[in-house]
C-alpha atoms as a PDB file:
ATOM      1  CA  MET A   1      -4.186  34.937  91.985  1.00  0.00           C
ATOM      2  CA  ALA A   2      -2.489  36.803  94.794  1.00  0.00           C
ATOM      3  CA  GLY A   3      -3.867  37.284  98.243  1.00  0.00           C
ATOM      4  CA  LYS A   4      -3.926  35.860 101.714  1.00  0.00           C
ATOM      5  CA  LYS A   5      -4.602  32.139 101.837  1.00  0.00           C
ATOM      6  CA  GLN A   6      -7.611  31.130 103.871  1.00  0.00           C
ATOM      7  CA  ALA A   7      -7.049  28.764 106.796  1.00  0.00           C
ATOM      8  CA  VAL A   8      -7.844  25.056 106.518  1.00  0.00           C
ATOM      9  CA  LYS A   9     -10.422  24.230 109.211  1.00  0.00           C
ATOM     10  CA  VAL A  10     -11.203  20.593 108.364  1.00  0.00           C
ATOM     11  CA  LEU A  11      -9.142  18.067 106.442  1.00  0.00           C
ATOM     12  CA  VAL A  12     -10.313  14.547 105.545  1.00  0.00           C
ATOM     13  CA  ILE A  13      -7.657  12.189 104.194  1.00  0.00           C
ATOM     14  CA  ASP A  14      -7.634   8.530 103.188  1.00  0.00           C
ATOM     15  CA  VAL A  15      -4.490   6.875 104.590  1.00  0.00           C
ATOM     16  CA  LEU A  16      -2.888   3.450 104.144  1.00  0.00           C
ATOM     17  CA  LYS A  17      -0.928   2.580 107.297  1.00  0.00           C
ATOM     18  CA  PRO A  18       0.741  -0.434 108.892  1.00  0.00           C
ATOM     19  CA  HIS A  19      -1.220  -2.097 111.727  1.00  0.00           C
ATOM     20  CA  LYS A  20       1.239  -0.663 114.229  1.00  0.00           C
ATOM     21  CA  PRO A  21       1.000   1.931 115.614  1.00  0.00           C
ATOM     22  CA  SER A  22      -2.657   1.602 116.546  1.00  0.00           C
ATOM     23  CA  ILE A  23      -5.151   4.209 115.403  1.00  0.00           C
ATOM     24  CA  VAL A  24      -5.144   5.525 118.989  1.00  0.00           C
ATOM     25  CA  GLU A  25      -1.405   6.225 118.853  1.00  0.00           C
ATOM     26  CA  PHE A  26      -1.726   7.558 115.307  1.00  0.00           C
ATOM     27  CA  ALA A  27      -4.500   9.987 116.351  1.00  0.00           C
ATOM     28  CA  GLN A  28      -2.529  11.130 119.394  1.00  0.00           C
ATOM     29  CA  GLU A  29       0.524  11.849 117.257  1.00  0.00           C
ATOM     30  CA  LEU A  30      -1.527  13.755 114.679  1.00  0.00           C
ATOM     31  CA  CYS A  31      -3.035  15.844 117.500  1.00  0.00           C
ATOM     32  CA  SER A  32       0.434  16.609 118.824  1.00  0.00           C
ATOM     33  CA  GLU A  33       0.959  18.633 115.618  1.00  0.00           C
ATOM     34  CA  LYS A  34       0.177  22.141 116.904  1.00  0.00           C
ATOM     35  CA  SER A  35      -2.150  23.036 114.028  1.00  0.00           C
ATOM     36  CA  VAL A  36      -4.454  20.054 114.728  1.00  0.00           C
ATOM     37  CA  GLN A  37      -6.980  20.355 117.551  1.00  0.00           C
ATOM     38  CA  ASN A  38      -9.069  17.207 116.998  1.00  0.00           C
ATOM     39  CA  ALA A  39      -8.594  13.924 115.154  1.00  0.00           C
ATOM     40  CA  ASN A  40     -11.222  11.352 114.243  1.00  0.00           C
ATOM     41  CA  ILE A  41      -9.947   8.120 112.685  1.00  0.00           C
ATOM     42  CA  ALA A  42     -12.017   5.197 111.417  1.00  0.00           C
ATOM     43  CA  VAL A  43     -10.697   1.955 109.939  1.00  0.00           C
ATOM     44  CA  THR A  44     -12.331   1.307 106.569  1.00  0.00           C
ATOM     45  CA  ALA A  45     -10.382  -1.765 105.385  1.00  0.00           C
ATOM     46  CA  ILE A  46      -7.887  -4.264 106.794  1.00  0.00           C
ATOM     47  CA  ASP A  47      -5.541  -6.683 105.080  1.00  0.00           C
ATOM     48  CA  GLU A  48      -2.663  -8.846 106.285  1.00  0.00           C
ATOM     49  CA  LYS A  49      -0.102  -6.066 106.810  1.00  0.00           C
ATOM     50  CA  THR A  50      -1.951  -2.752 106.487  1.00  0.00           C
ATOM     51  CA  GLU A  51      -5.184  -0.948 107.193  1.00  0.00           C
ATOM     52  CA  THR A  52      -6.925   1.841 105.361  1.00  0.00           C
ATOM     53  CA  VAL A  53      -8.186   4.616 107.601  1.00  0.00           C
ATOM     54  CA  LYS A  54     -10.317   7.702 107.068  1.00  0.00           C
ATOM     55  CA  VAL A  55      -8.741  10.573 109.035  1.00  0.00           C
ATOM     56  CA  THR A  56     -10.732  13.705 109.832  1.00  0.00           C
ATOM     57  CA  LEU A  57      -8.723  16.552 111.343  1.00  0.00           C
ATOM     58  CA  GLU A  58      -9.995  19.839 112.750  1.00  0.00           C
ATOM     59  CA  GLY A  59      -8.046  22.953 113.637  1.00  0.00           C
ATOM     60  CA  SER A  60      -8.041  26.714 113.305  1.00  0.00           C
ATOM     61  CA  SER A  61      -5.352  26.598 110.588  1.00  0.00           C
ATOM     62  CA  ILE A  62      -4.236  23.043 109.734  1.00  0.00           C
ATOM     63  CA  ASN A  63      -0.708  22.776 108.336  1.00  0.00           C
ATOM     64  CA  PHE A  64      -1.067  20.140 105.587  1.00  0.00           C
ATOM     65  CA  ASP A  65       2.706  19.777 105.125  1.00  0.00           C
ATOM     66  CA  ALA A  66       3.202  19.046 108.840  1.00  0.00           C
ATOM     67  CA  VAL A  67       0.319  16.550 108.822  1.00  0.00           C
ATOM     68  CA  SER A  68       1.741  14.852 105.734  1.00  0.00           C
ATOM     69  CA  ALA A  69       5.180  14.600 107.378  1.00  0.00           C
ATOM     70  CA  THR A  70       3.639  13.044 110.508  1.00  0.00           C
ATOM     71  CA  VAL A  71       1.777  10.493 108.393  1.00  0.00           C
ATOM     72  CA  GLU A  72       5.014   9.559 106.606  1.00  0.00           C
ATOM     73  CA  GLU A  73       6.905   9.232 109.925  1.00  0.00           C
ATOM     74  CA  PHE A  74       4.514   6.394 110.784  1.00  0.00           C
ATOM     75  CA  GLY A  75       5.283   4.578 107.530  1.00  0.00           C
ATOM     76  CA  ALA A  76       1.878   5.526 106.172  1.00  0.00           C
ATOM     77  CA  VAL A  77       0.819   7.042 102.855  1.00  0.00           C
ATOM     78  CA  ILE A  78      -1.920   9.539 102.042  1.00  0.00           C
ATOM     79  CA  HIS A  79      -3.998   7.975  99.255  1.00  0.00           C
ATOM     80  CA  SER A  80      -6.276  10.939  98.750  1.00  0.00           C
ATOM     81  CA  VAL A  81      -7.541  14.192 100.178  1.00  0.00           C
ATOM     82  CA  ASP A  82     -11.280  13.588 100.325  1.00  0.00           C
ATOM     83  CA  LYS A  83     -12.520  16.821 101.829  1.00  0.00           C
ATOM     84  CA  VAL A  84     -11.244  20.256 102.802  1.00  0.00           C
ATOM     85  CA  ILE A  85     -13.070  23.057 104.561  1.00  0.00           C
ATOM     86  CA  VAL A  86     -11.310  26.398 104.170  1.00  0.00           C
ATOM     87  CA  GLY A  87     -12.252  29.848 105.382  1.00  0.00           C
ATOM     88  CA  LYS A  88     -12.795  32.051 108.366  1.00  0.00           C
ATOM     89  CA  ARG A  89     -15.093  29.531 110.041  1.00  0.00           C
ATOM     90  CA  LYS A  90     -16.372  26.009 109.489  1.00  0.00           C
ATOM     91  CA  VAL A  91     -19.145  25.506 106.969  1.00  0.00           C
ATOM     92  CA  ILE A  92     -22.274  23.795 108.235  1.00  0.00           C
ATOM     93  CA  GLU A  93     -23.061  20.763 106.112  1.00  0.00           C
ATOM     94  CA  VAL A  94     -26.582  20.309 104.899  1.00  0.00           C
ATOM     95  CA  PRO A  95     -27.625  16.689 104.355  1.00  0.00           C
ATOM     96  CA  GLN A  96     -28.427  15.790 100.782  1.00  0.00           C
ATOM     97  CA  ILE A  97     -32.042  14.767 100.248  1.00  0.00           C
ATOM     98  CA  ASP A  98     -32.683  12.101  97.632  1.00  0.00           C
ATOM     99  CA  LYS A  99     -35.640  12.893  95.415  1.00  0.00           C
ATOM    100  CA  LYS A 100     -38.024  10.019  94.834  1.00  0.00           C
ATOM    101  CA  GLU A 101     -39.529   9.793  91.413  1.00  0.00           C
END
């Protein structure tokens, strides 16, 4: 399929990282990547030497390769890509309503 690739607006990744640097430093470094405008990081699990974090990045055209390289520079590993929003603008999420039987 040929054609222009749509820009990545939101990227959510699950990352395993050492305790240092802190998530503050990690977020600041991710935001220094020119394609990333905002970073939201939450710790989801901690063990003796590492922590698992959920990283949500926003930008007008996120460069996944540059983000991945930044993650690796910190000695961290991307476990999974959990969400991607691609297109001309961000998609508004509609909450899922559970049906009661």
